[in-house]
């Protein structure tokens, strides 16, 4: 599997998880294809932000610290 297909695979997994969480919270079906992503870096730590209309879900991604 090359890098691009691997990125698409994990992006789609994240979309499904975000869609399930939003569907549970909102009480309505949220299609995974309507969720967009943004990766930002705050305080030296990457964060993944999923957007759906006026809603956001933020996930702090763990990273290795250099000594």
PDB file of N, CA and C in Angstrom:
ATOM      1  N   UNK A   1       0.861  -1.170   0.000  1.00  0.00           N
ATOM      2  CA  UNK A   1       0.000   0.000   0.000  1.00  0.00           C
ATOM      3  C   UNK A   1       0.911   1.239   0.000  1.00  0.00           C
ATOM      4  N   UNK A   2       0.639   2.146  -0.921  1.00  0.00           N
ATOM      5  CA  UNK A   2       1.474   3.340  -0.946  1.00  0.00           C
ATOM      6  C   UNK A   2       0.927   4.409   0.003  1.00  0.00           C
ATOM      7  N   UNK A   3       1.664   5.503   0.130  1.00  0.00           N
ATOM      8  CA  UNK A   3       1.346   6.524   1.127  1.00  0.00           C
ATOM      9  C   UNK A   3      -0.045   7.138   0.910  1.00  0.00           C
ATOM     10  N   UNK A   4      -0.396   7.415  -0.338  1.00  0.00           N
ATOM     11  CA  UNK A   4      -1.683   8.062  -0.621  1.00  0.00           C
ATOM     12  C   UNK A   4      -2.862   7.176  -0.236  1.00  0.00           C
ATOM     13  N   UNK A   5      -2.814   5.912  -0.596  1.00  0.00           N
ATOM     14  CA  UNK A   5      -3.929   5.019  -0.259  1.00  0.00           C
ATOM     15  C   UNK A   5      -4.015   4.793   1.247  1.00  0.00           C
ATOM     16  N   UNK A   6      -2.870   4.782   1.907  1.00  0.00           N
ATOM     17  CA  UNK A   6      -2.871   4.626   3.359  1.00  0.00           C
ATOM     18  C   UNK A   6      -3.498   5.847   4.036  1.00  0.00           C
ATOM     19  N   UNK A   7      -3.189   7.057   3.542  1.00  0.00           N
ATOM     20  CA  UNK A   7      -3.784   8.283   4.086  1.00  0.00           C
ATOM     21  C   UNK A   7      -5.298   8.293   3.880  1.00  0.00           C
ATOM     22  N   UNK A   8      -5.751   7.883   2.691  1.00  0.00           N
ATOM     23  CA  UNK A   8      -7.185   7.838   2.413  1.00  0.00           C
ATOM     24  C   UNK A   8      -7.895   6.847   3.327  1.00  0.00           C
ATOM     25  N   UNK A   9      -7.256   5.709   3.579  1.00  0.00           N
ATOM     26  CA  UNK A   9      -7.833   4.683   4.435  1.00  0.00           C
ATOM     27  C   UNK A   9      -8.077   5.230   5.844  1.00  0.00           C
ATOM     28  N   UNK A  10      -7.063   5.895   6.415  1.00  0.00           N
ATOM     29  CA  UNK A  10      -7.207   6.412   7.776  1.00  0.00           C
ATOM     30  C   UNK A  10      -8.110   7.628   7.832  1.00  0.00           C
ATOM     31  N   UNK A  11      -8.127   8.436   6.778  1.00  0.00           N
ATOM     32  CA  UNK A  11      -9.035   9.583   6.727  1.00  0.00           C
ATOM     33  C   UNK A  11     -10.483   9.099   6.748  1.00  0.00           C
ATOM     34  N   UNK A  12     -10.788   8.063   5.997  1.00  0.00           N
ATOM     35  CA  UNK A  12     -12.146   7.525   5.958  1.00  0.00           C
ATOM     36  C   UNK A  12     -12.537   6.885   7.292  1.00  0.00           C
ATOM     37  N   UNK A  13     -11.576   6.266   7.982  1.00  0.00           N
ATOM     38  CA  UNK A  13     -11.873   5.704   9.305  1.00  0.00           C
ATOM     39  C   UNK A  13     -12.220   6.816  10.286  1.00  0.00           C
ATOM     40  N   UNK A  14     -11.428   7.912  10.270  1.00  0.00           N
ATOM     41  CA  UNK A  14     -11.719   9.051  11.125  1.00  0.00           C
ATOM     42  C   UNK A  14     -13.088   9.632  10.804  1.00  0.00           C
ATOM     43  N   UNK A  15     -13.415   9.727   9.524  1.00  0.00           N
ATOM     44  CA  UNK A  15     -14.720  10.260   9.126  1.00  0.00           C
ATOM     45  C   UNK A  15     -15.856   9.433   9.700  1.00  0.00           C
ATOM     46  N   UNK A  16     -15.731   8.114   9.630  1.00  0.00           N
ATOM     47  CA  UNK A  16     -16.782   7.245  10.162  1.00  0.00           C
ATOM     48  C   UNK A  16     -16.945   7.420  11.667  1.00  0.00           C
ATOM     49  N   UNK A  17     -15.824   7.524  12.379  1.00  0.00           N
ATOM     50  CA  UNK A  17     -15.880   7.696  13.837  1.00  0.00           C
ATOM     51  C   UNK A  17     -16.527   9.038  14.178  1.00  0.00           C
ATOM     52  N   UNK A  18     -16.124  10.113  13.475  1.00  0.00           N
ATOM     53  CA  UNK A  18     -16.702  11.428  13.728  1.00  0.00           C
ATOM     54  C   UNK A  18     -18.189  11.429  13.392  1.00  0.00           C
ATOM     55  N   UNK A  19     -18.580  10.765  12.314  1.00  0.00           N
ATOM     56  CA  UNK A  19     -19.990  10.714  11.924  1.00  0.00           C
ATOM     57  C   UNK A  19     -20.816   9.969  12.970  1.00  0.00           C
ATOM     58  N   UNK A  20     -20.286   8.882  13.509  1.00  0.00           N
ATOM     59  CA  UNK A  20     -21.005   8.141  14.547  1.00  0.00           C
ATOM     60  C   UNK A  20     -21.168   8.996  15.801  1.00  0.00           C
ATOM     61  N   UNK A  21     -20.111   9.708  16.195  1.00  0.00           N
ATOM     62  CA  UNK A  21     -20.180  10.552  17.393  1.00  0.00           C
ATOM     63  C   UNK A  21     -21.183  11.689  17.199  1.00  0.00           C
ATOM     64  N   UNK A  22     -21.163  12.335  16.044  1.00  0.00           N
ATOM     65  CA  UNK A  22     -22.107  13.426  15.774  1.00  0.00           C
ATOM     66  C   UNK A  22     -23.539  12.914  15.678  1.00  0.00           C
ATOM     67  N   UNK A  23     -23.732  11.756  15.052  1.00  0.00           N
ATOM     68  CA  UNK A  23     -25.072  11.179  14.939  1.00  0.00           C
ATOM     69  C   UNK A  23     -25.649  10.887  16.319  1.00  0.00           C
ATOM     70  N   UNK A  24     -24.824  10.360  17.194  1.00  0.00           N
ATOM     71  CA  UNK A  24     -25.265  10.060  18.551  1.00  0.00           C
ATOM     72  C   UNK A  24     -25.615  11.345  19.297  1.00  0.00           C
ATOM     73  N   UNK A  25     -24.775  12.368  19.157  1.00  0.00           N
ATOM     74  CA  UNK A  25     -24.980  13.632  19.862  1.00  0.00           C
ATOM     75  C   UNK A  25     -26.187  14.396  19.338  1.00  0.00           C
ATOM     76  N   UNK A  26     -26.323  14.464  18.014  1.00  0.00           N
ATOM     77  CA  UNK A  26     -27.397  15.259  17.409  1.00  0.00           C
ATOM     78  C   UNK A  26     -28.719  14.506  17.316  1.00  0.00           C
ATOM     79  N   UNK A  27     -28.675  13.193  17.346  1.00  0.00           N
ATOM     80  CA  UNK A  27     -29.889  12.406  17.221  1.00  0.00           C
ATOM     81  C   UNK A  27     -30.392  12.313  15.794  1.00  0.00           C
ATOM     82  N   UNK A  28     -29.526  12.622  14.829  1.00  0.00           N
ATOM     83  CA  UNK A  28     -29.872  12.533  13.413  1.00  0.00           C
ATOM     84  C   UNK A  28     -28.687  11.930  12.665  1.00  0.00           C
ATOM     85  N   UNK A  29     -28.982  11.280  11.548  1.00  0.00           N
ATOM     86  CA  UNK A  29     -27.916  10.653  10.771  1.00  0.00           C
ATOM     87  C   UNK A  29     -27.013  11.699  10.142  1.00  0.00           C
ATOM     88  N   UNK A  30     -25.717  11.553  10.349  1.00  0.00           N
ATOM     89  CA  UNK A  30     -24.723  12.436   9.745  1.00  0.00           C
ATOM     90  C   UNK A  30     -23.907  11.600   8.762  1.00  0.00           C
ATOM     91  N   UNK A  31     -23.940  11.940   7.465  1.00  0.00           N
ATOM     92  CA  UNK A  31     -23.167  11.165   6.503  1.00  0.00           C
ATOM     93  C   UNK A  31     -21.673  11.479   6.618  1.00  0.00           C
ATOM     94  N   UNK A  32     -20.827  10.454   6.618  1.00  0.00           N
ATOM     95  CA  UNK A  32     -19.383  10.683   6.741  1.00  0.00           C
ATOM     96  C   UNK A  32     -18.800  11.548   5.626  1.00  0.00           C
ATOM     97  N   UNK A  33     -19.435  11.539   4.469  1.00  0.00           N
ATOM     98  CA  UNK A  33     -18.899  12.314   3.345  1.00  0.00           C
ATOM     99  C   UNK A  33     -19.035  13.814   3.547  1.00  0.00           C
ATOM    100  N   UNK A  34     -19.848  14.249   4.510  1.00  0.00           N
ATOM    101  CA  UNK A  34     -20.061  15.684   4.765  1.00  0.00           C
ATOM    102  C   UNK A  34     -19.112  16.256   5.814  1.00  0.00           C
ATOM    103  N   UNK A  35     -18.227  15.439   6.346  1.00  0.00           N
ATOM    104  CA  UNK A  35     -17.295  15.900   7.364  1.00  0.00           C
ATOM    105  C   UNK A  35     -15.973  16.262   6.701  1.00  0.00           C
ATOM    106  N   UNK A  36     -15.491  17.474   6.971  1.00  0.00           N
ATOM    107  CA  UNK A  36     -14.194  17.892   6.444  1.00  0.00           C
ATOM    108  C   UNK A  36     -13.197  17.995   7.593  1.00  0.00           C
ATOM    109  N   UNK A  37     -11.926  17.904   7.262  1.00  0.00           N
ATOM    110  CA  UNK A  37     -10.883  17.885   8.279  1.00  0.00           C
ATOM    111  C   UNK A  37      -9.915  19.036   8.134  1.00  0.00           C
ATOM    112  N   UNK A  38      -9.303  19.371   9.254  1.00  0.00           N
ATOM    113  CA  UNK A  38      -8.254  20.376   9.298  1.00  0.00           C
ATOM    114  C   UNK A  38      -7.267  19.916  10.370  1.00  0.00           C
ATOM    115  N   UNK A  39      -5.988  19.968  10.059  1.00  0.00           N
ATOM    116  CA  UNK A  39      -4.959  19.616  11.029  1.00  0.00           C
ATOM    117  C   UNK A  39      -4.204  20.889  11.382  1.00  0.00           C
ATOM    118  N   UNK A  40      -4.172  21.206  12.681  1.00  0.00           N
ATOM    119  CA  UNK A  40      -3.453  22.388  13.137  1.00  0.00           C
ATOM    120  C   UNK A  40      -2.475  21.973  14.226  1.00  0.00           C
ATOM    121  N   UNK A  41      -1.541  22.858  14.525  1.00  0.00           N
ATOM    122  CA  UNK A  41      -0.582  22.582  15.581  1.00  0.00           C
ATOM    123  C   UNK A  41      -0.678  23.679  16.631  1.00  0.00           C
ATOM    124  N   UNK A  42      -1.059  23.289  17.838  1.00  0.00           N
ATOM    125  CA  UNK A  42      -1.168  24.216  18.964  1.00  0.00           C
ATOM    126  C   UNK A  42      -0.222  23.764  20.056  1.00  0.00           C
ATOM    127  N   UNK A  43       0.570  24.662  20.545  1.00  0.00           N
ATOM    128  CA  UNK A  43       1.518  24.377  21.627  1.00  0.00           C
ATOM    129  C   UNK A  43       2.423  23.197  21.290  1.00  0.00           C
ATOM    130  N   UNK A  44       2.785  23.061  20.039  1.00  0.00           N
ATOM    131  CA  UNK A  44       3.674  21.982  19.627  1.00  0.00           C
ATOM    132  C   UNK A  44       3.016  20.623  19.509  1.00  0.00           C
ATOM    133  N   UNK A  45       1.693  20.549  19.642  1.00  0.00           N
ATOM    134  CA  UNK A  45       0.974  19.280  19.525  1.00  0.00           C
ATOM    135  C   UNK A  45      -0.031  19.361  18.383  1.00  0.00           C
ATOM    136  N   UNK A  46      -0.049  18.359  17.506  1.00  0.00           N
ATOM    137  CA  UNK A  46      -1.014  18.376  16.404  1.00  0.00           C
ATOM    138  C   UNK A  46      -2.430  18.078  16.898  1.00  0.00           C
ATOM    139  N   UNK A  47      -3.409  18.754  16.290  1.00  0.00           N
ATOM    140  CA  UNK A  47      -4.822  18.523  16.614  1.00  0.00           C
ATOM    141  C   UNK A  47      -5.587  18.333  15.315  1.00  0.00           C
ATOM    142  N   UNK A  48      -6.501  17.383  15.321  1.00  0.00           N
ATOM    143  CA  UNK A  48      -7.354  17.100  14.184  1.00  0.00           C
ATOM    144  C   UNK A  48      -8.722  17.683  14.485  1.00  0.00           C
ATOM    145  N   UNK A  49      -9.221  18.512  13.589  1.00  0.00           N
ATOM    146  CA  UNK A  49     -10.528  19.144  13.782  1.00  0.00           C
ATOM    147  C   UNK A  49     -11.448  18.692  12.653  1.00  0.00           C
ATOM    148  N   UNK A  50     -12.581  18.123  13.033  1.00  0.00           N
ATOM    149  CA  UNK A  50     -13.588  17.711  12.067  1.00  0.00           C
ATOM    150  C   UNK A  50     -14.722  18.730  12.046  1.00  0.00           C
ATOM    151  N   UNK A  51     -15.107  19.188  10.859  1.00  0.00           N
ATOM    152  CA  UNK A  51     -16.158  20.195  10.709  1.00  0.00           C
ATOM    153  C   UNK A  51     -17.387  19.578  10.041  1.00  0.00           C
ATOM    154  N   UNK A  52     -18.542  19.891  10.596  1.00  0.00           N
ATOM    155  CA  UNK A  52     -19.824  19.513   9.991  1.00  0.00           C
ATOM    156  C   UNK A  52     -20.801  20.637  10.284  1.00  0.00           C
ATOM    157  N   UNK A  53     -21.172  21.394   9.271  1.00  0.00           N
ATOM    158  CA  UNK A  53     -22.022  22.582   9.394  1.00  0.00           C
ATOM    159  C   UNK A  53     -21.495  23.498  10.504  1.00  0.00           C
ATOM    160  N   UNK A  54     -22.210  23.701  11.586  1.00  0.00           N
ATOM    161  CA  UNK A  54     -21.768  24.585  12.666  1.00  0.00           C
ATOM    162  C   UNK A  54     -21.106  23.825  13.807  1.00  0.00           C
ATOM    163  N   UNK A  55     -20.839  22.552  13.626  1.00  0.00           N
ATOM    164  CA  UNK A  55     -20.301  21.725  14.697  1.00  0.00           C
ATOM    165  C   UNK A  55     -18.837  21.398  14.434  1.00  0.00           C
ATOM    166  N   UNK A  56     -18.094  21.242  15.524  1.00  0.00           N
ATOM    167  CA  UNK A  56     -16.691  20.874  15.444  1.00  0.00           C
ATOM    168  C   UNK A  56     -16.393  19.784  16.464  1.00  0.00           C
ATOM    169  N   UNK A  57     -15.501  18.900  16.082  1.00  0.00           N
ATOM    170  CA  UNK A  57     -14.969  17.921  17.016  1.00  0.00           C
ATOM    171  C   UNK A  57     -13.454  18.052  16.935  1.00  0.00           C
ATOM    172  N   UNK A  58     -12.825  18.209  18.100  1.00  0.00           N
ATOM    173  CA  UNK A  58     -11.373  18.341  18.152  1.00  0.00           C
ATOM    174  C   UNK A  58     -10.775  17.105  18.803  1.00  0.00           C
ATOM    175  N   UNK A  59      -9.712  16.612  18.206  1.00  0.00           N
ATOM    176  CA  UNK A  59      -8.993  15.454  18.734  1.00  0.00           C
ATOM    177  C   UNK A  59      -7.525  15.833  18.855  1.00  0.00           C
ATOM    178  N   UNK A  60      -6.977  15.639  20.038  1.00  0.00           N
ATOM    179  CA  UNK A  60      -5.568  15.895  20.263  1.00  0.00           C
ATOM    180  C   UNK A  60      -4.803  14.623  19.919  1.00  0.00           C
ATOM    181  N   UNK A  61      -3.882  14.706  18.973  1.00  0.00           N
ATOM    182  CA  UNK A  61      -3.129  13.541  18.542  1.00  0.00           C
ATOM    183  C   UNK A  61      -1.863  13.407  19.391  1.00  0.00           C
ATOM    184  N   UNK A  62      -1.656  12.241  19.978  1.00  0.00           N
ATOM    185  CA  UNK A  62      -0.451  12.060  20.787  1.00  0.00           C
ATOM    186  C   UNK A  62       0.771  12.001  19.891  1.00  0.00           C
ATOM    187  N   UNK A  63       1.847  12.515  20.394  1.00  0.00           N
ATOM    188  CA  UNK A  63       3.094  12.479  19.639  1.00  0.00           C
ATOM    189  C   UNK A  63       4.242  12.150  20.563  1.00  0.00           C
ATOM    190  N   UNK A  64       5.339  11.767  19.970  1.00  0.00           N
ATOM    191  CA  UNK A  64       6.507  11.429  20.760  1.00  0.00           C
ATOM    192  C   UNK A  64       7.278  12.705  21.059  1.00  0.00           C
ATOM    193  N   UNK A  65       7.744  12.825  22.269  1.00  0.00           N
ATOM    194  CA  UNK A  65       8.521  13.982  22.682  1.00  0.00           C
ATOM    195  C   UNK A  65       9.998  13.651  22.522  1.00  0.00           C
ATOM    196  N   UNK A  66      10.737  14.629  22.017  1.00  0.00           N
ATOM    197  CA  UNK A  66      12.164  14.427  21.849  1.00  0.00           C
ATOM    198  C   UNK A  66      12.885  14.835  23.129  1.00  0.00           C
ATOM    199  N   UNK A  67      13.895  14.061  23.477  1.00  0.00           N
ATOM    200  CA  UNK A  67      14.647  14.349  24.708  1.00  0.00           C
ATOM    201  C   UNK A  67      15.702  15.411  24.459  1.00  0.00           C
TER     202      UNK A  67
END
